[in-house]
Amino acid sequence: MAVIDEAGNPLGVMDTGRALALAQDKGLDLVEVAPMAKPPVCKILNYGAFQFQLEKKERKAKAHQKKVELKVKPKLPSKQSKHNSKQA
């Protein structure tokens, strides 16, 4: 797997055990950021801060969405509405 350090510098391609040992030595986590890439890309970072940044992006994107509300009312032909109003 390709490994990137916490500063964003590429460390090269290495096996999982070595990458995990590097992350543990630094007191950080090894997070897979691009599993479909060839080779998969992992990043050494603080997972809690990473999750916070993702949630922050999602909240910001959700705040900028436009909300559209549609009101749908049944429309009766004029003869039916007269007939229904006489019955009531």
C-alpha atoms as a PDB file:
ATOM      1  CA  MET A   1       0.000   0.000   0.000  1.00  0.00           C
ATOM      2  CA  ALA A   2       1.049   3.586  -0.622  1.00  0.00           C
ATOM      3  CA  VAL A   3       1.528   5.491   2.637  1.00  0.00           C
ATOM      4  CA  ILE A   4       1.280   9.242   3.296  1.00  0.00           C
ATOM      5  CA  ASP A   5       2.456  10.783   6.575  1.00  0.00           C
ATOM      6  CA  GLU A   6       0.559  13.313   8.726  1.00  0.00           C
ATOM      7  CA  ALA A   7       2.162  16.256   6.886  1.00  0.00           C
ATOM      8  CA  GLY A   8       1.012  14.957   3.489  1.00  0.00           C
ATOM      9  CA  ASN A   9       4.425  13.715   2.359  1.00  0.00           C
ATOM     10  CA  PRO A  10       4.441  10.376   0.506  1.00  0.00           C
ATOM     11  CA  LEU A  11       6.454   7.685   2.286  1.00  0.00           C
ATOM     12  CA  GLY A  12       6.243   5.233  -0.614  1.00  0.00           C
ATOM     13  CA  VAL A  13       4.819   1.757  -1.055  1.00  0.00           C
ATOM     14  CA  MET A  14       5.222  -0.591   1.936  1.00  0.00           C
ATOM     15  CA  ASP A  15       3.524  -3.539   3.580  1.00  0.00           C
ATOM     16  CA  THR A  16       0.708  -3.115   6.090  1.00  0.00           C
ATOM     17  CA  GLY A  17       2.731  -4.209   9.131  1.00  0.00           C
ATOM     18  CA  ARG A  18       5.459  -1.653   8.571  1.00  0.00           C
ATOM     19  CA  ALA A  19       2.954   1.153   7.925  1.00  0.00           C
ATOM     20  CA  LEU A  20       1.006   0.254  11.066  1.00  0.00           C
ATOM     21  CA  ALA A  21       4.215   0.203  13.123  1.00  0.00           C
ATOM     22  CA  LEU A  22       5.113   3.691  11.825  1.00  0.00           C
ATOM     23  CA  ALA A  23       1.688   5.000  12.816  1.00  0.00           C
ATOM     24  CA  GLN A  24       1.879   3.449  16.290  1.00  0.00           C
ATOM     25  CA  ASP A  25       5.368   4.896  16.858  1.00  0.00           C
ATOM     26  CA  LYS A  26       3.973   8.363  16.177  1.00  0.00           C
ATOM     27  CA  GLY A  27       0.893   7.732  18.349  1.00  0.00           C
ATOM     28  CA  LEU A  28      -1.450   8.104  15.372  1.00  0.00           C
ATOM     29  CA  ASP A  29      -3.764   5.893  13.318  1.00  0.00           C
ATOM     30  CA  LEU A  30      -3.360   4.296   9.885  1.00  0.00           C
ATOM     31  CA  VAL A  31      -6.446   5.190   7.827  1.00  0.00           C
ATOM     32  CA  GLU A  32      -7.225   3.850   4.353  1.00  0.00           C
ATOM     33  CA  VAL A  33      -8.297   6.893   2.305  1.00  0.00           C
ATOM     34  CA  ALA A  34      -8.446   5.396  -1.212  1.00  0.00           C
ATOM     35  CA  PRO A  35      -9.170   1.652  -1.079  1.00  0.00           C
ATOM     36  CA  MET A  36      -9.966   1.330  -4.804  1.00  0.00           C
ATOM     37  CA  ALA A  37      -6.638   2.828  -5.949  1.00  0.00           C
ATOM     38  CA  LYS A  38      -3.832   0.610  -7.219  1.00  0.00           C
ATOM     39  CA  PRO A  39      -2.042   0.302  -4.768  1.00  0.00           C
ATOM     40  CA  PRO A  40      -4.470   1.314  -1.979  1.00  0.00           C
ATOM     41  CA  VAL A  41      -3.586   4.622  -0.305  1.00  0.00           C
ATOM     42  CA  CYS A  42      -3.325   4.914   3.482  1.00  0.00           C
ATOM     43  CA  LYS A  43      -2.613   7.977   5.557  1.00  0.00           C
ATOM     44  CA  ILE A  44      -1.066   8.283   9.008  1.00  0.00           C
ATOM     45  CA  LEU A  45      -3.255  10.706  10.976  1.00  0.00           C
ATOM     46  CA  ASN A  46      -5.386  11.287  14.063  1.00  0.00           C
ATOM     47  CA  TYR A  47      -8.620   9.441  13.235  1.00  0.00           C
ATOM     48  CA  GLY A  48     -10.764  11.500  15.638  1.00  0.00           C
ATOM     49  CA  ALA A  49      -9.720  14.762  13.956  1.00  0.00           C
ATOM     50  CA  PHE A  50     -10.239  13.149  10.533  1.00  0.00           C
ATOM     51  CA  GLN A  51     -13.831  12.172  11.445  1.00  0.00           C
ATOM     52  CA  PHE A  52     -14.501  15.686  12.784  1.00  0.00           C
ATOM     53  CA  GLN A  53     -13.333  17.257   9.504  1.00  0.00           C
ATOM     54  CA  LEU A  54     -15.560  14.907   7.466  1.00  0.00           C
ATOM     55  CA  GLU A  55     -18.604  15.732   9.613  1.00  0.00           C
ATOM     56  CA  LYS A  56     -17.818  19.446   9.341  1.00  0.00           C
ATOM     57  CA  LYS A  57     -17.758  19.199   5.515  1.00  0.00           C
ATOM     58  CA  GLU A  58     -21.078  17.307   5.514  1.00  0.00           C
ATOM     59  CA  ARG A  59     -22.750  19.903   7.762  1.00  0.00           C
ATOM     60  CA  LYS A  60     -21.497  22.727   5.554  1.00  0.00           C
ATOM     61  CA  ALA A  61     -22.729  21.007   2.381  1.00  0.00           C
ATOM     62  CA  LYS A  62     -26.115  20.343   3.976  1.00  0.00           C
ATOM     63  CA  ALA A  63     -26.448  23.993   5.057  1.00  0.00           C
ATOM     64  CA  HIS A  64     -25.947  25.187   1.470  1.00  0.00           C
ATOM     65  CA  GLN A  65     -28.614  22.927  -0.018  1.00  0.00           C
ATOM     66  CA  LYS A  66     -31.806  24.558  -1.237  1.00  0.00           C
ATOM     67  CA  LYS A  67     -35.015  23.238   0.224  1.00  0.00           C
ATOM     68  CA  VAL A  68     -38.026  23.194  -2.048  1.00  0.00           C
ATOM     69  CA  GLU A  69     -41.473  22.610  -0.581  1.00  0.00           C
ATOM     70  CA  LEU A  70     -44.358  21.772  -2.835  1.00  0.00           C
ATOM     71  CA  LYS A  71     -47.985  21.937  -1.776  1.00  0.00           C
ATOM     72  CA  VAL A  72     -50.269  19.681  -3.745  1.00  0.00           C
ATOM     73  CA  LYS A  73     -54.029  20.143  -3.528  1.00  0.00           C
ATOM     74  CA  PRO A  74     -56.625  18.067  -5.291  1.00  0.00           C
ATOM     75  CA  LYS A  75     -58.284  19.990  -8.089  1.00  0.00           C
ATOM     76  CA  LEU A  76     -61.921  19.124  -8.742  1.00  0.00           C
ATOM     77  CA  PRO A  77     -63.801  20.001 -11.906  1.00  0.00           C
ATOM     78  CA  SER A  78     -66.240  22.888 -11.392  1.00  0.00           C
ATOM     79  CA  LYS A  79     -69.414  20.713 -11.657  1.00  0.00           C
ATOM     80  CA  GLN A  80     -68.170  18.391  -8.926  1.00  0.00           C
ATOM     81  CA  SER A  81     -67.280  21.206  -6.549  1.00  0.00           C
ATOM     82  CA  LYS A  82     -70.800  22.711  -6.921  1.00  0.00           C
ATOM     83  CA  HIS A  83     -72.365  19.308  -6.341  1.00  0.00           C
ATOM     84  CA  ASN A  84     -70.173  18.660  -3.273  1.00  0.00           C
ATOM     85  CA  SER A  85     -70.911  22.076  -1.788  1.00  0.00           C
ATOM     86  CA  LYS A  86     -74.730  21.507  -2.095  1.00  0.00           C
ATOM     87  CA  GLN A  87     -74.425  18.218  -0.217  1.00  0.00           C
ATOM     88  CA  ALA A  88     -72.533  19.752   2.666  1.00  0.00           C
END
